[in-house]
Amino acid sequence: MSDKKIITIMGATGAQGGGLARAILSDTNSEFAVRAVTRDKNSDKAKELGDLGAEVAVANLDDKASIIEAMNGAYGAYLVTFFWDHFSPEKEYIHAKNMAEAAKECELQHIIWSTLEDTRKYVPLEDNRMPTLQGKFKVPHFDMKGEANQLFIDMSLPTTYLMASFYWDNFIYFGSGPQKGEDGKYYLTFPLDDKKMAGIAAEDIGKCAYGIFKKGKSMVGKTVGLAGEKLSGTEMAAAFSKHLGKEVIYNNVNPDTFRSFDFPGADDLGNMFQFYRDFEEVCNRHRNVDLSRELNPELKDFDSWLKQYGHKVPMD
């Protein structure tokens, strides 16, 4: 392991970091070694990565010294923040700053920063097409990541800016999948009209990130948007119907209706879907299926994802 380049993976037990860790660890000829960073070394996921051959390290994004320790001696790092842990863009920015400053101090040679668009560049705060949230954001879990890009630029860090898409895994774990209506039929509810939304299997984000690290310095300074496929609500509903053996109907609602739903973050996600809808061309131009497949030849489209994971989608 000592002759391999160490990649420090922040959030290695999460969807993105875990996918990257497993992609590297499953490649017996990899030039990289994994330093899997987690808050809880004793979690099942952390132990699993250790069993697969990762060096497991503990760090807290609020504690820059612990991040420096986790990055010391590494070649590169995968940096991701966790908005849904705290719903605070300000905290997310502090975490990004701590990681960027630690990467600078440790003189890392290649960083992948998991970012997203700052939607305020397209929908200014005074634009009432969608409500302003938390006083200064349109899509909080997008905007601060996009704003934090400037940290990496200002510090002249060797960074690839990676933008993911909607996780199809949300259909399994976050209640985004088809819901049974009072009429007994199943409905897939999004405020997308007939627009296409880029989506991806969560595990493929990490595999694509591995492809970026393998390409090396040629990827520094580039922004890479990932997608497995771009589909309308009607197309997703048809795919669900085919694989789940039950008719699924696309239920298009307006963003205000979606924002009114009773779950944490509904307003943020309502604005996100409205951004995907109103700026379809921008969002899809920023996400390249062909490049994603070049980085990760195993890239799944939605049909392939459903074949493998459709049975896990709750259909109560």
C-alpha atoms as a PDB file:
ATOM      1  CA  MET A   1       0.000   0.000   0.000  1.00  0.00           C
ATOM      2  CA  SER A   2       2.922   2.351   0.714  1.00  0.00           C
ATOM      3  CA  ASP A   3       3.772   2.717  -2.990  1.00  0.00           C
ATOM      4  CA  LYS A   4       0.209   3.699  -3.910  1.00  0.00           C
ATOM      5  CA  LYS A   5      -1.139   7.232  -4.064  1.00  0.00           C
ATOM      6  CA  ILE A   6      -3.488   7.833  -1.157  1.00  0.00           C
ATOM      7  CA  ILE A   7      -6.898   9.320  -1.886  1.00  0.00           C
ATOM      8  CA  THR A   8      -8.520  10.806   1.207  1.00  0.00           C
ATOM      9  CA  ILE A   9     -12.263  10.355   0.811  1.00  0.00           C
ATOM     10  CA  MET A  10     -14.375  12.619   2.984  1.00  0.00           C
ATOM     11  CA  GLY A  11     -17.744  11.109   3.806  1.00  0.00           C
ATOM     12  CA  ALA A  12     -16.544   7.676   2.744  1.00  0.00           C
ATOM     13  CA  THR A  13     -19.579   5.975   4.275  1.00  0.00           C
ATOM     14  CA  GLY A  14     -21.996   8.142   2.262  1.00  0.00           C
ATOM     15  CA  ALA A  15     -23.386   7.559  -1.219  1.00  0.00           C
ATOM     16  CA  GLN A  16     -20.766   9.472  -3.207  1.00  0.00           C
ATOM     17  CA  GLY A  17     -17.681   8.749  -1.094  1.00  0.00           C
ATOM     18  CA  GLY A  18     -18.661   5.135  -0.562  1.00  0.00           C
ATOM     19  CA  GLY A  19     -19.027   4.606  -4.298  1.00  0.00           C
ATOM     20  CA  LEU A  20     -15.550   6.002  -4.909  1.00  0.00           C
ATOM     21  CA  ALA A  21     -13.998   3.979  -2.092  1.00  0.00           C
ATOM     22  CA  ARG A  22     -15.476   0.725  -3.382  1.00  0.00           C
ATOM     23  CA  ALA A  23     -14.519   1.533  -6.976  1.00  0.00           C
ATOM     24  CA  ILE A  24     -10.870   1.930  -5.991  1.00  0.00           C
ATOM     25  CA  LEU A  25     -10.812  -1.001  -3.575  1.00  0.00           C
ATOM     26  CA  SER A  26     -12.404  -3.377  -6.100  1.00  0.00           C
ATOM     27  CA  ASP A  27      -9.671  -2.594  -8.673  1.00  0.00           C
ATOM     28  CA  THR A  28      -6.805  -4.875  -7.751  1.00  0.00           C
ATOM     29  CA  ASN A  29      -4.497  -3.027 -10.152  1.00  0.00           C
ATOM     30  CA  SER A  30      -5.336   0.444  -8.878  1.00  0.00           C
ATOM     31  CA  GLU A  31      -2.522   2.953  -8.472  1.00  0.00           C
ATOM     32  CA  PHE A  32      -4.493   4.432  -5.554  1.00  0.00           C
ATOM     33  CA  ALA A  33      -5.079   3.513  -1.925  1.00  0.00           C
ATOM     34  CA  VAL A  34      -8.127   4.586   0.056  1.00  0.00           C
ATOM     35  CA  ARG A  35      -8.116   6.593   3.256  1.00  0.00           C
ATOM     36  CA  ALA A  36     -11.781   6.460   4.187  1.00  0.00           C
ATOM     37  CA  VAL A  37     -12.784   9.347   6.423  1.00  0.00           C
ATOM     38  CA  THR A  38     -15.810   9.012   8.679  1.00  0.00           C
ATOM     39  CA  ARG A  39     -17.162  10.504  11.877  1.00  0.00           C
ATOM     40  CA  ASP A  40     -17.719   7.059  13.394  1.00  0.00           C
ATOM     41  CA  LYS A  41     -14.966   4.496  12.949  1.00  0.00           C
ATOM     42  CA  ASN A  42     -17.160   1.832  14.554  1.00  0.00           C
ATOM     43  CA  SER A  43     -20.098   2.117  12.158  1.00  0.00           C
ATOM     44  CA  ASP A  44     -20.944  -0.927  10.068  1.00  0.00           C
ATOM     45  CA  LYS A  45     -20.124   0.927   6.838  1.00  0.00           C
ATOM     46  CA  ALA A  46     -16.733   2.059   8.160  1.00  0.00           C
ATOM     47  CA  LYS A  47     -15.896  -1.471   9.290  1.00  0.00           C
ATOM     48  CA  GLU A  48     -16.938  -2.817   5.896  1.00  0.00           C
ATOM     49  CA  LEU A  49     -14.564  -0.430   4.113  1.00  0.00           C
ATOM     50  CA  GLY A  50     -11.792  -1.440   6.498  1.00  0.00           C
ATOM     51  CA  ASP A  51     -12.439  -5.088   5.695  1.00  0.00           C
ATOM     52  CA  LEU A  52     -12.182  -4.259   1.987  1.00  0.00           C
ATOM     53  CA  GLY A  53      -8.720  -2.776   2.522  1.00  0.00           C
ATOM     54  CA  ALA A  54      -9.304   0.888   3.271  1.00  0.00           C
ATOM     55  CA  GLU A  55      -7.401   2.795   5.912  1.00  0.00           C
ATOM     56  CA  VAL A  56     -10.202   4.201   8.069  1.00  0.00           C
ATOM     57  CA  ALA A  57      -9.645   7.645   9.587  1.00  0.00           C
ATOM     58  CA  VAL A  58     -11.835   9.844  11.778  1.00  0.00           C
ATOM     59  CA  ALA A  59     -12.417  13.535  11.102  1.00  0.00           C
ATOM     60  CA  ASN A  60     -15.069  16.140  11.753  1.00  0.00           C
ATOM     61  CA  LEU A  61     -15.749  18.838   9.190  1.00  0.00           C
ATOM     62  CA  ASP A  62     -16.087  21.391  11.995  1.00  0.00           C
ATOM     63  CA  ASP A  63     -12.517  20.605  13.093  1.00  0.00           C
ATOM     64  CA  LYS A  64      -9.936  21.638  10.497  1.00  0.00           C
ATOM     65  CA  ALA A  65      -7.076  20.039  12.452  1.00  0.00           C
ATOM     66  CA  SER A  66      -8.752  16.638  12.163  1.00  0.00           C
ATOM     67  CA  ILE A  67      -9.183  17.150   8.399  1.00  0.00           C
ATOM     68  CA  ILE A  68      -5.494  18.054   8.026  1.00  0.00           C
ATOM     69  CA  GLU A  69      -4.581  14.875   9.871  1.00  0.00           C
ATOM     70  CA  ALA A  70      -6.804  12.858   7.508  1.00  0.00           C
ATOM     71  CA  MET A  71      -5.211  14.472   4.440  1.00  0.00           C
ATOM     72  CA  ASN A  72      -1.586  14.374   5.563  1.00  0.00           C
ATOM     73  CA  GLY A  73       0.575  12.448   3.097  1.00  0.00           C
ATOM     74  CA  ALA A  74      -2.254  11.962   0.617  1.00  0.00           C
ATOM     75  CA  TYR A  75      -1.977  12.515  -3.115  1.00  0.00           C
ATOM     76  CA  GLY A  76      -5.556  13.657  -3.554  1.00  0.00           C
ATOM     77  CA  ALA A  77      -8.943  13.962  -1.931  1.00  0.00           C
ATOM     78  CA  TYR A  78     -12.635  13.682  -2.661  1.00  0.00           C
ATOM     79  CA  LEU A  79     -14.482  16.476  -0.886  1.00  0.00           C
ATOM     80  CA  VAL A  80     -18.214  16.440  -0.233  1.00  0.00           C
ATOM     81  CA  THR A  81     -20.479  18.247   2.214  1.00  0.00           C
ATOM     82  CA  PHE A  82     -23.638  16.964   3.918  1.00  0.00           C
ATOM     83  CA  PHE A  83     -26.384  19.591   3.704  1.00  0.00           C
ATOM     84  CA  TRP A  84     -29.178  17.227   4.749  1.00  0.00           C
ATOM     85  CA  ASP A  85     -27.496  16.590   8.106  1.00  0.00           C
ATOM     86  CA  HIS A  86     -28.148  20.146   9.255  1.00  0.00           C
ATOM     87  CA  PHE A  87     -30.036  22.076   6.506  1.00  0.00           C
ATOM     88  CA  SER A  88     -27.577  24.977   6.942  1.00  0.00           C
ATOM     89  CA  PRO A  89     -25.882  26.477   3.867  1.00  0.00           C
ATOM     90  CA  GLU A  90     -23.670  28.578   6.152  1.00  0.00           C
ATOM     91  CA  LYS A  91     -22.389  25.466   7.901  1.00  0.00           C
ATOM     92  CA  GLU A  92     -21.848  23.832   4.524  1.00  0.00           C
ATOM     93  CA  TYR A  93     -19.680  26.777   3.443  1.00  0.00           C
ATOM     94  CA  ILE A  94     -17.585  26.559   6.622  1.00  0.00           C
ATOM     95  CA  HIS A  95     -17.064  22.850   5.992  1.00  0.00           C
ATOM     96  CA  ALA A  96     -16.003  23.497   2.399  1.00  0.00           C
ATOM     97  CA  LYS A  97     -13.600  26.201   3.602  1.00  0.00           C
ATOM     98  CA  ASN A  98     -12.105  23.914   6.245  1.00  0.00           C
ATOM     99  CA  MET A  99     -11.529  21.179   3.666  1.00  0.00           C
ATOM    100  CA  ALA A 100     -10.075  23.586   1.091  1.00  0.00           C
ATOM    101  CA  GLU A 101      -7.674  25.115   3.623  1.00  0.00           C
ATOM    102  CA  ALA A 102      -6.626  21.664   4.818  1.00  0.00           C
ATOM    103  CA  ALA A 103      -6.007  20.553   1.220  1.00  0.00           C
ATOM    104  CA  LYS A 104      -3.874  23.645   0.672  1.00  0.00           C
ATOM    105  CA  GLU A 105      -1.842  23.012   3.804  1.00  0.00           C
ATOM    106  CA  CYS A 106      -1.308  19.355   2.858  1.00  0.00           C
ATOM    107  CA  GLU A 107      -0.301  20.318  -0.712  1.00  0.00           C
ATOM    108  CA  LEU A 108      -2.635  17.836  -2.355  1.00  0.00           C
ATOM    109  CA  GLN A 109      -2.047  17.275  -6.058  1.00  0.00           C
ATOM    110  CA  HIS A 110      -5.624  16.552  -7.206  1.00  0.00           C
ATOM    111  CA  ILE A 111      -8.925  17.399  -5.531  1.00  0.00           C
ATOM    112  CA  ILE A 112     -12.437  16.531  -6.626  1.00  0.00           C
ATOM    113  CA  TRP A 113     -14.969  18.957  -5.117  1.00  0.00           C
ATOM    114  CA  SER A 114     -18.557  17.742  -5.252  1.00  0.00           C
ATOM    115  CA  THR A 115     -20.482  20.873  -6.157  1.00  0.00           C
ATOM    116  CA  LEU A 116     -23.678  22.077  -7.855  1.00  0.00           C
ATOM    117  CA  GLU A 117     -24.936  25.167  -9.639  1.00  0.00           C
ATOM    118  CA  ASP A 118     -25.430  28.406  -7.747  1.00  0.00           C
ATOM    119  CA  THR A 119     -29.006  28.867  -8.950  1.00  0.00           C
ATOM    120  CA  ARG A 120     -28.969  32.556  -7.986  1.00  0.00           C
ATOM    121  CA  LYS A 121     -26.955  33.185 -11.151  1.00  0.00           C
ATOM    122  CA  TYR A 122     -30.078  32.171 -13.081  1.00  0.00           C
ATOM    123  CA  VAL A 123     -32.820  33.196 -10.650  1.00  0.00           C
ATOM    124  CA  PRO A 124     -31.736  36.328  -8.720  1.00  0.00           C
ATOM    125  CA  LEU A 125     -33.084  36.750  -5.208  1.00  0.00           C
ATOM    126  CA  GLU A 126     -35.461  39.499  -6.351  1.00  0.00           C
ATOM    127  CA  ASP A 127     -36.925  37.160  -9.001  1.00  0.00           C
ATOM    128  CA  ASN A 128     -40.269  36.026  -7.577  1.00  0.00           C
ATOM    129  CA  ARG A 129     -40.704  33.078  -9.918  1.00  0.00           C
ATOM    130  CA  MET A 130     -39.569  30.958  -6.989  1.00  0.00           C
ATOM    131  CA  PRO A 131     -39.493  31.945  -3.313  1.00  0.00           C
ATOM    132  CA  THR A 132     -36.287  33.025  -1.621  1.00  0.00           C
ATOM    133  CA  LEU A 133     -35.416  30.620   1.203  1.00  0.00           C
ATOM    134  CA  GLN A 134     -33.494  31.235   4.431  1.00  0.00           C
ATOM    135  CA  GLY A 135     -33.243  34.894   3.434  1.00  0.00           C
ATOM    136  CA  LYS A 136     -30.632  34.594   0.702  1.00  0.00           C
ATOM    137  CA  PHE A 137     -30.978  31.391  -1.298  1.00  0.00           C
ATOM    138  CA  LYS A 138     -33.158  29.941  -4.026  1.00  0.00           C
ATOM    139  CA  VAL A 139     -32.036  26.305  -3.763  1.00  0.00           C
ATOM    140  CA  PRO A 140     -30.026  26.244  -0.525  1.00  0.00           C
ATOM    141  CA  HIS A 141     -28.465  22.813  -1.016  1.00  0.00           C
ATOM    142  CA  PHE A 142     -27.247  23.895  -4.473  1.00  0.00           C
ATOM    143  CA  ASP A 143     -26.351  27.534  -4.003  1.00  0.00           C
ATOM    144  CA  MET A 144     -23.731  27.394  -1.283  1.00  0.00           C
ATOM    145  CA  LYS A 145     -21.852  24.570  -2.988  1.00  0.00           C
ATOM    146  CA  GLY A 146     -21.690  26.667  -6.128  1.00  0.00           C
ATOM    147  CA  GLU A 147     -20.602  29.721  -4.132  1.00  0.00           C
ATOM    148  CA  ALA A 148     -17.872  27.669  -2.441  1.00  0.00           C
ATOM    149  CA  ASN A 149     -16.256  26.931  -5.825  1.00  0.00           C
ATOM    150  CA  GLN A 150     -14.542  30.312  -5.505  1.00  0.00           C
ATOM    151  CA  LEU A 151     -12.665  29.091  -2.411  1.00  0.00           C
ATOM    152  CA  PHE A 152     -10.838  26.494  -4.488  1.00  0.00           C
ATOM    153  CA  ILE A 153     -10.153  29.000  -7.268  1.00  0.00           C
ATOM    154  CA  ASP A 154      -8.836  31.671  -4.889  1.00  0.00           C
ATOM    155  CA  MET A 155      -6.507  29.165  -3.211  1.00  0.00           C
ATOM    156  CA  SER A 156      -5.232  27.930  -6.616  1.00  0.00           C
ATOM    157  CA  LEU A 157      -6.069  24.373  -5.639  1.00  0.00           C
ATOM    158  CA  PRO A 158      -5.752  21.653  -8.332  1.00  0.00           C
ATOM    159  CA  THR A 159      -9.475  20.953  -8.452  1.00  0.00           C
ATOM    160  CA  THR A 160     -11.950  19.115 -10.649  1.00  0.00           C
ATOM    161  CA  TYR A 161     -15.477  20.411 -10.034  1.00  0.00           C
ATOM    162  CA  LEU A 162     -17.905  17.498 -10.108  1.00  0.00           C
ATOM    163  CA  MET A 163     -21.663  18.032 -10.420  1.00  0.00           C
ATOM    164  CA  ALA A 164     -23.983  15.105  -9.811  1.00  0.00           C
ATOM    165  CA  SER A 165     -27.606  14.662 -10.866  1.00  0.00           C
ATOM    166  CA  PHE A 166     -30.791  13.531  -9.140  1.00  0.00           C
ATOM    167  CA  TYR A 167     -30.053  10.211  -7.401  1.00  0.00           C
ATOM    168  CA  TRP A 168     -32.383   7.458  -8.566  1.00  0.00           C
ATOM    169  CA  ASP A 169     -31.637   5.900  -5.164  1.00  0.00           C
ATOM    170  CA  ASN A 170     -33.919   8.626  -3.732  1.00  0.00           C
ATOM    171  CA  PHE A 171     -36.786   6.475  -5.002  1.00  0.00           C
ATOM    172  CA  ILE A 172     -35.730   3.823  -2.473  1.00  0.00           C
ATOM    173  CA  TYR A 173     -34.563   5.747   0.563  1.00  0.00           C
ATOM    174  CA  PHE A 174     -36.242   9.154   0.597  1.00  0.00           C
ATOM    175  CA  GLY A 175     -39.821   8.486  -0.353  1.00  0.00           C
ATOM    176  CA  SER A 176     -39.541   9.968  -3.837  1.00  0.00           C
ATOM    177  CA  GLY A 177     -40.892   6.874  -5.553  1.00  0.00           C
ATOM    178  CA  PRO A 178     -44.411   6.057  -6.725  1.00  0.00           C
ATOM    179  CA  GLN A 179     -47.085   6.570  -4.067  1.00  0.00           C
ATOM    180  CA  LYS A 180     -50.441   4.825  -3.915  1.00  0.00           C
ATOM    181  CA  GLY A 181     -53.359   7.201  -4.361  1.00  0.00           C
ATOM    182  CA  GLU A 182     -56.837   6.976  -2.877  1.00  0.00           C
ATOM    183  CA  ASP A 183     -57.960   5.381  -6.137  1.00  0.00           C
ATOM    184  CA  GLY A 184     -55.485   2.511  -5.630  1.00  0.00           C
ATOM    185  CA  LYS A 185     -53.290   3.621  -8.528  1.00  0.00           C
ATOM    186  CA  TYR A 186     -49.635   4.581  -8.204  1.00  0.00           C
ATOM    187  CA  TYR A 187     -48.427   8.107  -8.932  1.00  0.00           C
ATOM    188  CA  LEU A 188     -44.953   9.543  -9.474  1.00  0.00           C
ATOM    189  CA  THR A 189     -45.209  13.176  -8.397  1.00  0.00           C
ATOM    190  CA  PHE A 190     -42.840  15.890  -9.607  1.00  0.00           C
ATOM    191  CA  PRO A 191     -43.210  19.531 -10.714  1.00  0.00           C
ATOM    192  CA  LEU A 192     -41.356  19.030 -13.997  1.00  0.00           C
ATOM    193  CA  ASP A 193     -44.069  19.483 -16.654  1.00  0.00           C
ATOM    194  CA  ASP A 194     -42.752  17.600 -19.713  1.00  0.00           C
ATOM    195  CA  LYS A 195     -39.091  18.530 -19.170  1.00  0.00           C
ATOM    196  CA  LYS A 196     -36.297  15.988 -18.906  1.00  0.00           C
ATOM    197  CA  MET A 197     -34.291  15.703 -15.681  1.00  0.00           C
ATOM    198  CA  ALA A 198     -30.803  14.239 -15.478  1.00  0.00           C
ATOM    199  CA  GLY A 199     -30.510  11.314 -13.070  1.00  0.00           C
ATOM    200  CA  ILE A 200     -27.865   8.840 -12.000  1.00  0.00           C
ATOM    201  CA  ALA A 201     -27.284   5.772  -9.820  1.00  0.00           C
ATOM    202  CA  ALA A 202     -25.546   6.992  -6.657  1.00  0.00           C
ATOM    203  CA  GLU A 203     -22.838   4.339  -6.963  1.00  0.00           C
ATOM    204  CA  ASP A 204     -21.964   5.631 -10.443  1.00  0.00           C
ATOM    205  CA  ILE A 205     -20.969   9.032  -9.063  1.00  0.00           C
ATOM    206  CA  GLY A 206     -18.106   7.411  -7.183  1.00  0.00           C
ATOM    207  CA  LYS A 207     -17.144   5.284 -10.178  1.00  0.00           C
ATOM    208  CA  CYS A 208     -17.015   8.398 -12.360  1.00  0.00           C
ATOM    209  CA  ALA A 209     -14.926  10.176  -9.715  1.00  0.00           C
ATOM    210  CA  TYR A 210     -12.485   7.262  -9.865  1.00  0.00           C
ATOM    211  CA  GLY A 211     -12.312   7.771 -13.626  1.00  0.00           C
ATOM    212  CA  ILE A 212     -11.415  11.423 -13.030  1.00  0.00           C
ATOM    213  CA  PHE A 213      -8.608  10.507 -10.638  1.00  0.00           C
ATOM    214  CA  LYS A 214      -7.280   7.972 -13.162  1.00  0.00           C
ATOM    215  CA  LYS A 215      -7.178  10.665 -15.865  1.00  0.00           C
ATOM    216  CA  GLY A 216      -5.119  12.742 -13.476  1.00  0.00           C
ATOM    217  CA  LYS A 217      -3.882  16.289 -13.938  1.00  0.00           C
ATOM    218  CA  SER A 218      -5.600  16.691 -17.322  1.00  0.00           C
ATOM    219  CA  MET A 219      -8.870  17.035 -15.368  1.00  0.00           C
ATOM    220  CA  VAL A 220      -7.681  19.853 -13.100  1.00  0.00           C
ATOM    221  CA  GLY A 221      -9.673  23.038 -13.597  1.00  0.00           C
ATOM    222  CA  LYS A 222     -12.501  21.267 -15.393  1.00  0.00           C
ATOM    223  CA  THR A 223     -16.152  21.060 -14.416  1.00  0.00           C
ATOM    224  CA  VAL A 224     -17.647  17.615 -14.991  1.00  0.00           C
ATOM    225  CA  GLY A 225     -21.407  17.106 -14.843  1.00  0.00           C
ATOM    226  CA  LEU A 226     -22.575  13.519 -14.432  1.00  0.00           C
ATOM    227  CA  ALA A 227     -25.723  11.762 -15.618  1.00  0.00           C
ATOM    228  CA  GLY A 228     -26.799   8.225 -16.404  1.00  0.00           C
ATOM    229  CA  GLU A 229     -29.809   9.345 -18.445  1.00  0.00           C
ATOM    230  CA  LYS A 230     -32.135  12.331 -18.914  1.00  0.00           C
ATOM    231  CA  LEU A 231     -35.814  11.474 -18.582  1.00  0.00           C
ATOM    232  CA  SER A 232     -39.187  13.153 -18.324  1.00  0.00           C
ATOM    233  CA  GLY A 233     -41.625  12.289 -15.553  1.00  0.00           C
ATOM    234  CA  THR A 234     -43.731  10.374 -18.077  1.00  0.00           C
ATOM    235  CA  GLU A 235     -40.705   8.333 -19.180  1.00  0.00           C
ATOM    236  CA  MET A 236     -39.749   7.520 -15.584  1.00  0.00           C
ATOM    237  CA  ALA A 237     -43.323   6.460 -14.793  1.00  0.00           C
ATOM    238  CA  ALA A 238     -43.386   4.202 -17.872  1.00  0.00           C
ATOM    239  CA  ALA A 239     -40.104   2.582 -16.805  1.00  0.00           C
ATOM    240  CA  PHE A 240     -41.492   1.987 -13.312  1.00  0.00           C
ATOM    241  CA  SER A 241     -44.633   0.418 -14.797  1.00  0.00           C
ATOM    242  CA  LYS A 242     -42.528  -1.925 -16.916  1.00  0.00           C
ATOM    243  CA  HIS A 243     -40.253  -3.095 -14.108  1.00  0.00           C
ATOM    244  CA  LEU A 244     -42.587  -3.105 -11.124  1.00  0.00           C
ATOM    245  CA  GLY A 245     -45.515  -4.787 -12.816  1.00  0.00           C
ATOM    246  CA  LYS A 246     -47.935  -2.103 -11.630  1.00  0.00           C
ATOM    247  CA  GLU A 247     -49.175   0.877 -13.579  1.00  0.00           C
ATOM    248  CA  VAL A 248     -47.410   4.072 -12.489  1.00  0.00           C
ATOM    249  CA  ILE A 249     -48.851   7.393 -13.647  1.00  0.00           C
ATOM    250  CA  TYR A 250     -46.854  10.614 -13.834  1.00  0.00           C
ATOM    251  CA  ASN A 251     -48.537  13.193 -11.607  1.00  0.00           C
ATOM    252  CA  ASN A 252     -47.311  16.608 -12.693  1.00  0.00           C
ATOM    253  CA  VAL A 253     -47.913  19.250 -10.018  1.00  0.00           C
ATOM    254  CA  ASN A 254     -46.928  22.884  -9.862  1.00  0.00           C
ATOM    255  CA  PRO A 255     -43.893  23.820  -7.750  1.00  0.00           C
ATOM    256  CA  ASP A 256     -46.036  25.637  -5.164  1.00  0.00           C
ATOM    257  CA  THR A 257     -47.926  22.410  -4.506  1.00  0.00           C
ATOM    258  CA  PHE A 258     -44.688  20.454  -4.122  1.00  0.00           C
ATOM    259  CA  ARG A 259     -43.248  23.094  -1.781  1.00  0.00           C
ATOM    260  CA  SER A 260     -46.339  22.733   0.427  1.00  0.00           C
ATOM    261  CA  PHE A 261     -45.779  19.011   1.037  1.00  0.00           C
ATOM    262  CA  ASP A 262     -45.242  18.080   4.658  1.00  0.00           C
ATOM    263  CA  PHE A 263     -41.660  16.837   4.857  1.00  0.00           C
ATOM    264  CA  PRO A 264     -38.373  18.542   5.818  1.00  0.00           C
ATOM    265  CA  GLY A 265     -36.808  20.360   2.881  1.00  0.00           C
ATOM    266  CA  ALA A 266     -39.916  20.294   0.675  1.00  0.00           C
ATOM    267  CA  ASP A 267     -39.483  23.990  -0.137  1.00  0.00           C
ATOM    268  CA  ASP A 268     -35.818  23.486  -1.082  1.00  0.00           C
ATOM    269  CA  LEU A 269     -36.613  20.467  -3.257  1.00  0.00           C
ATOM    270  CA  GLY A 270     -39.611  22.207  -4.812  1.00  0.00           C
ATOM    271  CA  ASN A 271     -37.303  25.017  -5.884  1.00  0.00           C
ATOM    272  CA  MET A 272     -34.761  22.475  -7.128  1.00  0.00           C
ATOM    273  CA  PHE A 273     -37.286  20.734  -9.352  1.00  0.00           C
ATOM    274  CA  GLN A 274     -38.498  24.104 -10.603  1.00  0.00           C
ATOM    275  CA  PHE A 275     -34.890  24.949 -11.477  1.00  0.00           C
ATOM    276  CA  TYR A 276     -34.578  21.652 -13.369  1.00  0.00           C
ATOM    277  CA  ARG A 277     -37.843  22.483 -15.155  1.00  0.00           C
ATOM    278  CA  ASP A 278     -37.317  26.159 -15.951  1.00  0.00           C
ATOM    279  CA  PHE A 279     -33.643  25.774 -16.863  1.00  0.00           C
ATOM    280  CA  GLU A 280     -33.805  22.359 -18.515  1.00  0.00           C
ATOM    281  CA  GLU A 281     -31.354  23.312 -21.252  1.00  0.00           C
ATOM    282  CA  VAL A 282     -28.780  24.667 -18.767  1.00  0.00           C
ATOM    283  CA  CYS A 283     -29.026  21.728 -16.354  1.00  0.00           C
ATOM    284  CA  ASN A 284     -28.793  19.115 -19.082  1.00  0.00           C
ATOM    285  CA  ARG A 285     -26.016  20.910 -20.946  1.00  0.00           C
ATOM    286  CA  HIS A 286     -23.983  20.833 -17.742  1.00  0.00           C
ATOM    287  CA  ARG A 287     -24.435  17.054 -17.398  1.00  0.00           C
ATOM    288  CA  ASN A 288     -22.902  14.793 -20.014  1.00  0.00           C
ATOM    289  CA  VAL A 289     -23.964  11.144 -20.315  1.00  0.00           C
ATOM    290  CA  ASP A 290     -21.257  10.305 -22.870  1.00  0.00           C
ATOM    291  CA  LEU A 291     -18.461  11.737 -20.704  1.00  0.00           C
ATOM    292  CA  SER A 292     -19.909   9.964 -17.658  1.00  0.00           C
ATOM    293  CA  ARG A 293     -19.763   6.677 -19.584  1.00  0.00           C
ATOM    294  CA  GLU A 294     -16.199   7.390 -20.718  1.00  0.00           C
ATOM    295  CA  LEU A 295     -15.190   7.901 -17.075  1.00  0.00           C
ATOM    296  CA  ASN A 296     -17.226   4.881 -15.958  1.00  0.00           C
ATOM    297  CA  PRO A 297     -17.882   2.241 -18.638  1.00  0.00           C
ATOM    298  CA  GLU A 298     -20.279   0.480 -16.208  1.00  0.00           C
ATOM    299  CA  LEU A 299     -22.602   3.527 -16.135  1.00  0.00           C
ATOM    300  CA  LYS A 300     -26.234   2.527 -15.663  1.00  0.00           C
ATOM    301  CA  ASP A 301     -29.184   4.051 -17.461  1.00  0.00           C
ATOM    302  CA  PHE A 302     -32.520   4.128 -15.618  1.00  0.00           C
ATOM    303  CA  ASP A 303     -33.654   0.828 -17.125  1.00  0.00           C
ATOM    304  CA  SER A 304     -30.487  -0.918 -15.900  1.00  0.00           C
ATOM    305  CA  TRP A 305     -30.828   0.660 -12.481  1.00  0.00           C
ATOM    306  CA  LEU A 306     -34.430  -0.537 -12.168  1.00  0.00           C
ATOM    307  CA  LYS A 307     -33.463  -4.054 -13.230  1.00  0.00           C
ATOM    308  CA  GLN A 308     -30.961  -4.192 -10.383  1.00  0.00           C
ATOM    309  CA  TYR A 309     -32.641  -2.135  -7.683  1.00  0.00           C
ATOM    310  CA  GLY A 310     -36.303  -1.745  -8.642  1.00  0.00           C
ATOM    311  CA  HIS A 311     -37.344  -4.442  -6.171  1.00  0.00           C
ATOM    312  CA  LYS A 312     -36.157  -2.169  -3.334  1.00  0.00           C
ATOM    313  CA  VAL A 313     -38.499   0.697  -4.270  1.00  0.00           C
ATOM    314  CA  PRO A 314     -41.317   0.760  -1.651  1.00  0.00           C
ATOM    315  CA  MET A 315     -44.711   0.088  -3.267  1.00  0.00           C
ATOM    316  CA  ASP A 316     -47.051  -0.062  -0.285  1.00  0.00           C
END
